[in-house]
Amino acid sequence: MSLIRILLAILIPPLGVFLTVGIRGAFWLNILLTILGYIPGIVHAVWIIAKHDQ
């Protein structure tokens, strides 16, 4: 499942974060980062997914 979330995080970063943590602060932060720049949104999304899969 984490592989699917990582692939979704690369395509649509907020969706990957939403599937991992739901609607919390990390989700809203990821939306902001994705709006400001696509790459920061991807990095944050992958970091959140990796942090929660440990």
PDB file of N, CA and C in Angstrom:
ATOM      1  N   MET A   1       0.814  -1.199   0.000  1.00  0.00           N
ATOM      2  CA  MET A   1       0.000   0.000   0.000  1.00  0.00           C
ATOM      3  C   MET A   1       0.858   1.263   0.000  1.00  0.00           C
ATOM      4  N   SER A   2       2.018   1.226   0.668  1.00  0.00           N
ATOM      5  CA  SER A   2       2.840   2.430   0.708  1.00  0.00           C
ATOM      6  C   SER A   2       3.406   2.759  -0.675  1.00  0.00           C
ATOM      7  N   LEU A   3       3.645   1.754  -1.501  1.00  0.00           N
ATOM      8  CA  LEU A   3       4.126   2.019  -2.858  1.00  0.00           C
ATOM      9  C   LEU A   3       3.073   2.787  -3.654  1.00  0.00           C
ATOM     10  N   ILE A   4       1.826   2.418  -3.498  1.00  0.00           N
ATOM     11  CA  ILE A   4       0.739   3.124  -4.185  1.00  0.00           C
ATOM     12  C   ILE A   4       0.647   4.556  -3.680  1.00  0.00           C
ATOM     13  N   ARG A   5       0.780   4.732  -2.358  1.00  0.00           N
ATOM     14  CA  ARG A   5       0.734   6.085  -1.788  1.00  0.00           C
ATOM     15  C   ARG A   5       1.906   6.931  -2.269  1.00  0.00           C
ATOM     16  N   ILE A   6       3.073   6.342  -2.409  1.00  0.00           N
ATOM     17  CA  ILE A   6       4.230   7.096  -2.902  1.00  0.00           C
ATOM     18  C   ILE A   6       4.030   7.492  -4.361  1.00  0.00           C
ATOM     19  N   LEU A   7       3.500   6.588  -5.162  1.00  0.00           N
ATOM     20  CA  LEU A   7       3.213   6.932  -6.564  1.00  0.00           C
ATOM     21  C   LEU A   7       2.174   8.037  -6.657  1.00  0.00           C
ATOM     22  N   LEU A   8       1.148   7.971  -5.807  1.00  0.00           N
ATOM     23  CA  LEU A   8       0.151   9.037  -5.785  1.00  0.00           C
ATOM     24  C   LEU A   8       0.757  10.343  -5.295  1.00  0.00           C
ATOM     25  N   ALA A   9       1.704  10.257  -4.364  1.00  0.00           N
ATOM     26  CA  ALA A   9       2.367  11.456  -3.857  1.00  0.00           C
ATOM     27  C   ALA A   9       3.198  12.128  -4.938  1.00  0.00           C
ATOM     28  N   ILE A  10       3.729  11.359  -5.851  1.00  0.00           N
ATOM     29  CA  ILE A  10       4.497  11.945  -6.948  1.00  0.00           C
ATOM     30  C   ILE A  10       3.564  12.602  -7.959  1.00  0.00           C
ATOM     31  N   LEU A  11       2.424  11.986  -8.215  1.00  0.00           N
ATOM     32  CA  LEU A  11       1.475  12.542  -9.183  1.00  0.00           C
ATOM     33  C   LEU A  11       0.655  13.680  -8.583  1.00  0.00           C
ATOM     34  N   ILE A  12       0.066  13.439  -7.402  1.00  0.00           N
ATOM     35  CA  ILE A  12      -0.789  14.416  -6.715  1.00  0.00           C
ATOM     36  C   ILE A  12      -0.397  14.400  -5.237  1.00  0.00           C
ATOM     37  N   PRO A  13       0.565  15.227  -4.846  1.00  0.00           N
ATOM     38  CA  PRO A  13       1.098  15.163  -3.484  1.00  0.00           C
ATOM     39  C   PRO A  13       0.057  15.237  -2.358  1.00  0.00           C
ATOM     40  N   PRO A  14      -0.941  16.136  -2.408  1.00  0.00           N
ATOM     41  CA  PRO A  14      -1.896  16.177  -1.298  1.00  0.00           C
ATOM     42  C   PRO A  14      -2.712  14.885  -1.142  1.00  0.00           C
ATOM     43  N   LEU A  15      -2.941  14.175  -2.229  1.00  0.00           N
ATOM     44  CA  LEU A  15      -3.696  12.923  -2.138  1.00  0.00           C
ATOM     45  C   LEU A  15      -2.913  11.866  -1.371  1.00  0.00           C
ATOM     46  N   GLY A  16      -1.631  11.780  -1.615  1.00  0.00           N
ATOM     47  CA  GLY A  16      -0.800  10.832  -0.873  1.00  0.00           C
ATOM     48  C   GLY A  16      -0.781  11.137   0.614  1.00  0.00           C
ATOM     49  N   VAL A  17      -0.703  12.420   0.967  1.00  0.00           N
ATOM     50  CA  VAL A  17      -0.708  12.813   2.374  1.00  0.00           C
ATOM     51  C   VAL A  17      -2.078  12.552   2.987  1.00  0.00           C
ATOM     52  N   PHE A  18      -3.144  12.841   2.253  1.00  0.00           N
ATOM     53  CA  PHE A  18      -4.501  12.605   2.752  1.00  0.00           C
ATOM     54  C   PHE A  18      -4.730  11.129   3.049  1.00  0.00           C
ATOM     55  N   LEU A  19      -4.264  10.250   2.187  1.00  0.00           N
ATOM     56  CA  LEU A  19      -4.444   8.818   2.412  1.00  0.00           C
ATOM     57  C   LEU A  19      -3.622   8.318   3.598  1.00  0.00           C
ATOM     58  N   THR A  20      -2.590   9.059   3.967  1.00  0.00           N
ATOM     59  CA  THR A  20      -1.728   8.649   5.077  1.00  0.00           C
ATOM     60  C   THR A  20      -2.208   9.203   6.419  1.00  0.00           C
ATOM     61  N   VAL A  21      -2.494  10.509   6.482  1.00  0.00           N
ATOM     62  CA  VAL A  21      -2.817  11.139   7.774  1.00  0.00           C
ATOM     63  C   VAL A  21      -4.226  11.700   7.849  1.00  0.00           C
ATOM     64  N   GLY A  22      -4.939  11.764   6.753  1.00  0.00           N
ATOM     65  CA  GLY A  22      -6.263  12.368   6.763  1.00  0.00           C
ATOM     66  C   GLY A  22      -6.154  13.884   6.681  1.00  0.00           C
ATOM     67  N   ILE A  23      -7.238  14.548   7.098  1.00  0.00           N
ATOM     68  CA  ILE A  23      -7.249  16.016   7.042  1.00  0.00           C
ATOM     69  C   ILE A  23      -6.709  16.535   8.361  1.00  0.00           C
ATOM     70  N   ARG A  24      -5.416  16.738   8.396  1.00  0.00           N
ATOM     71  CA  ARG A  24      -4.715  17.294   9.559  1.00  0.00           C
ATOM     72  C   ARG A  24      -3.808  18.405   9.074  1.00  0.00           C
ATOM     73  N   GLY A  25      -2.962  18.889   9.953  1.00  0.00           N
ATOM     74  CA  GLY A  25      -2.052  19.971   9.606  1.00  0.00           C
ATOM     75  C   GLY A  25      -1.115  19.632   8.473  1.00  0.00           C
ATOM     76  N   ALA A  26      -0.645  18.381   8.440  1.00  0.00           N
ATOM     77  CA  ALA A  26       0.282  17.970   7.378  1.00  0.00           C
ATOM     78  C   ALA A  26      -0.379  18.041   6.003  1.00  0.00           C
ATOM     79  N   PHE A  27      -1.655  17.732   5.944  1.00  0.00           N
ATOM     80  CA  PHE A  27      -2.388  17.794   4.676  1.00  0.00           C
ATOM     81  C   PHE A  27      -2.458  19.229   4.167  1.00  0.00           C
ATOM     82  N   TRP A  28      -2.830  20.152   5.052  1.00  0.00           N
ATOM     83  CA  TRP A  28      -2.949  21.559   4.655  1.00  0.00           C
ATOM     84  C   TRP A  28      -1.587  22.152   4.318  1.00  0.00           C
ATOM     85  N   LEU A  29      -0.555  21.754   5.057  1.00  0.00           N
ATOM     86  CA  LEU A  29       0.790  22.209   4.745  1.00  0.00           C
ATOM     87  C   LEU A  29       1.216  21.708   3.371  1.00  0.00           C
ATOM     88  N   ASN A  30       0.857  20.482   3.056  1.00  0.00           N
ATOM     89  CA  ASN A  30       1.223  19.934   1.756  1.00  0.00           C
ATOM     90  C   ASN A  30       0.501  20.648   0.627  1.00  0.00           C
ATOM     91  N   ILE A  31      -0.748  21.013   0.839  1.00  0.00           N
ATOM     92  CA  ILE A  31      -1.459  21.785  -0.192  1.00  0.00           C
ATOM     93  C   ILE A  31      -0.755  23.122  -0.425  1.00  0.00           C
ATOM     94  N   LEU A  32      -0.359  23.772   0.668  1.00  0.00           N
ATOM     95  CA  LEU A  32       0.348  25.046   0.544  1.00  0.00           C
ATOM     96  C   LEU A  32       1.680  24.868  -0.183  1.00  0.00           C
ATOM     97  N   LEU A  33       2.440  23.848   0.184  1.00  0.00           N
ATOM     98  CA  LEU A  33       3.723  23.601  -0.479  1.00  0.00           C
ATOM     99  C   LEU A  33       3.547  23.255  -1.952  1.00  0.00           C
ATOM    100  N   THR A  34       2.496  22.523  -2.278  1.00  0.00           N
ATOM    101  CA  THR A  34       2.241  22.157  -3.671  1.00  0.00           C
ATOM    102  C   THR A  34       1.853  23.382  -4.491  1.00  0.00           C
ATOM    103  N   ILE A  35       1.097  24.294  -3.879  1.00  0.00           N
ATOM    104  CA  ILE A  35       0.738  25.529  -4.588  1.00  0.00           C
ATOM    105  C   ILE A  35       1.978  26.392  -4.811  1.00  0.00           C
ATOM    106  N   LEU A  36       2.848  26.461  -3.802  1.00  0.00           N
ATOM    107  CA  LEU A  36       4.048  27.290  -3.921  1.00  0.00           C
ATOM    108  C   LEU A  36       5.085  26.684  -4.868  1.00  0.00           C
ATOM    109  N   GLY A  37       5.091  25.375  -4.973  1.00  0.00           N
ATOM    110  CA  GLY A  37       6.033  24.705  -5.872  1.00  0.00           C
ATOM    111  C   GLY A  37       5.758  23.211  -5.845  1.00  0.00           C
ATOM    112  N   TYR A  38       5.709  22.614  -6.985  1.00  0.00           N
ATOM    113  CA  TYR A  38       5.339  21.201  -7.086  1.00  0.00           C
ATOM    114  C   TYR A  38       6.358  20.289  -6.406  1.00  0.00           C
ATOM    115  N   ILE A  39       7.641  20.578  -6.571  1.00  0.00           N
ATOM    116  CA  ILE A  39       8.707  19.742  -6.001  1.00  0.00           C
ATOM    117  C   ILE A  39       8.672  19.747  -4.472  1.00  0.00           C
ATOM    118  N   PRO A  40       8.535  20.911  -3.797  1.00  0.00           N
ATOM    119  CA  PRO A  40       8.428  20.863  -2.329  1.00  0.00           C
ATOM    120  C   PRO A  40       7.228  20.052  -1.847  1.00  0.00           C
ATOM    121  N   GLY A  41       6.136  20.085  -2.580  1.00  0.00           N
ATOM    122  CA  GLY A  41       4.967  19.278  -2.239  1.00  0.00           C
ATOM    123  C   GLY A  41       5.254  17.788  -2.328  1.00  0.00           C
ATOM    124  N   ILE A  42       5.986  17.387  -3.350  1.00  0.00           N
ATOM    125  CA  ILE A  42       6.346  15.977  -3.514  1.00  0.00           C
ATOM    126  C   ILE A  42       7.281  15.532  -2.397  1.00  0.00           C
ATOM    127  N   VAL A  43       8.295  16.342  -2.103  1.00  0.00           N
ATOM    128  CA  VAL A  43       9.254  15.983  -1.055  1.00  0.00           C
ATOM    129  C   VAL A  43       8.550  15.841   0.286  1.00  0.00           C
ATOM    130  N   HIS A  44       7.688  16.778   0.609  1.00  0.00           N
ATOM    131  CA  HIS A  44       6.958  16.713   1.881  1.00  0.00           C
ATOM    132  C   HIS A  44       6.047  15.491   1.925  1.00  0.00           C
ATOM    133  N   ALA A  45       5.352  15.199   0.843  1.00  0.00           N
ATOM    134  CA  ALA A  45       4.439  14.059   0.807  1.00  0.00           C
ATOM    135  C   ALA A  45       5.190  12.743   1.002  1.00  0.00           C
ATOM    136  N   VAL A  46       6.301  12.575   0.312  1.00  0.00           N
ATOM    137  CA  VAL A  46       7.076  11.337   0.450  1.00  0.00           C
ATOM    138  C   VAL A  46       7.633  11.228   1.864  1.00  0.00           C
ATOM    139  N   TRP A  47       8.061  12.358   2.434  1.00  0.00           N
ATOM    140  CA  TRP A  47       8.581  12.357   3.805  1.00  0.00           C
ATOM    141  C   TRP A  47       7.491  11.946   4.807  1.00  0.00           C
ATOM    142  N   ILE A  48       6.283  12.477   4.657  1.00  0.00           N
ATOM    143  CA  ILE A  48       5.168  12.115   5.557  1.00  0.00           C
ATOM    144  C   ILE A  48       4.833  10.645   5.416  1.00  0.00           C
ATOM    145  N   ILE A  49       4.768  10.136   4.206  1.00  0.00           N
ATOM    146  CA  ILE A  49       4.436   8.722   3.988  1.00  0.00           C
ATOM    147  C   ILE A  49       5.516   7.832   4.577  1.00  0.00           C
ATOM    148  N   ALA A  50       6.784   8.161   4.362  1.00  0.00           N
ATOM    149  CA  ALA A  50       7.889   7.350   4.893  1.00  0.00           C
ATOM    150  C   ALA A  50       7.906   7.398   6.413  1.00  0.00           C
ATOM    151  N   LYS A  51       7.596   8.533   7.005  1.00  0.00           N
ATOM    152  CA  LYS A  51       7.601   8.682   8.453  1.00  0.00           C
ATOM    153  C   LYS A  51       6.506   7.849   9.097  1.00  0.00           C
ATOM    154  N   HIS A  52       5.354   7.770   8.457  1.00  0.00           N
ATOM    155  CA  HIS A  52       4.237   7.012   9.039  1.00  0.00           C
ATOM    156  C   HIS A  52       4.293   5.519   8.753  1.00  0.00           C
ATOM    157  N   ASP A  53       5.137   5.091   7.840  1.00  0.00           N
ATOM    158  CA  ASP A  53       5.243   3.658   7.526  1.00  0.00           C
ATOM    159  C   ASP A  53       6.280   2.932   8.382  1.00  0.00           C
ATOM    160  N   GLN A  54       6.930   3.615   9.288  1.00  0.00           N
ATOM    161  CA  GLN A  54       7.963   2.976  10.109  1.00  0.00           C
ATOM    162  C   GLN A  54       7.375   2.154  11.202  1.00  0.00           C
TER     163      GLN A  54
END
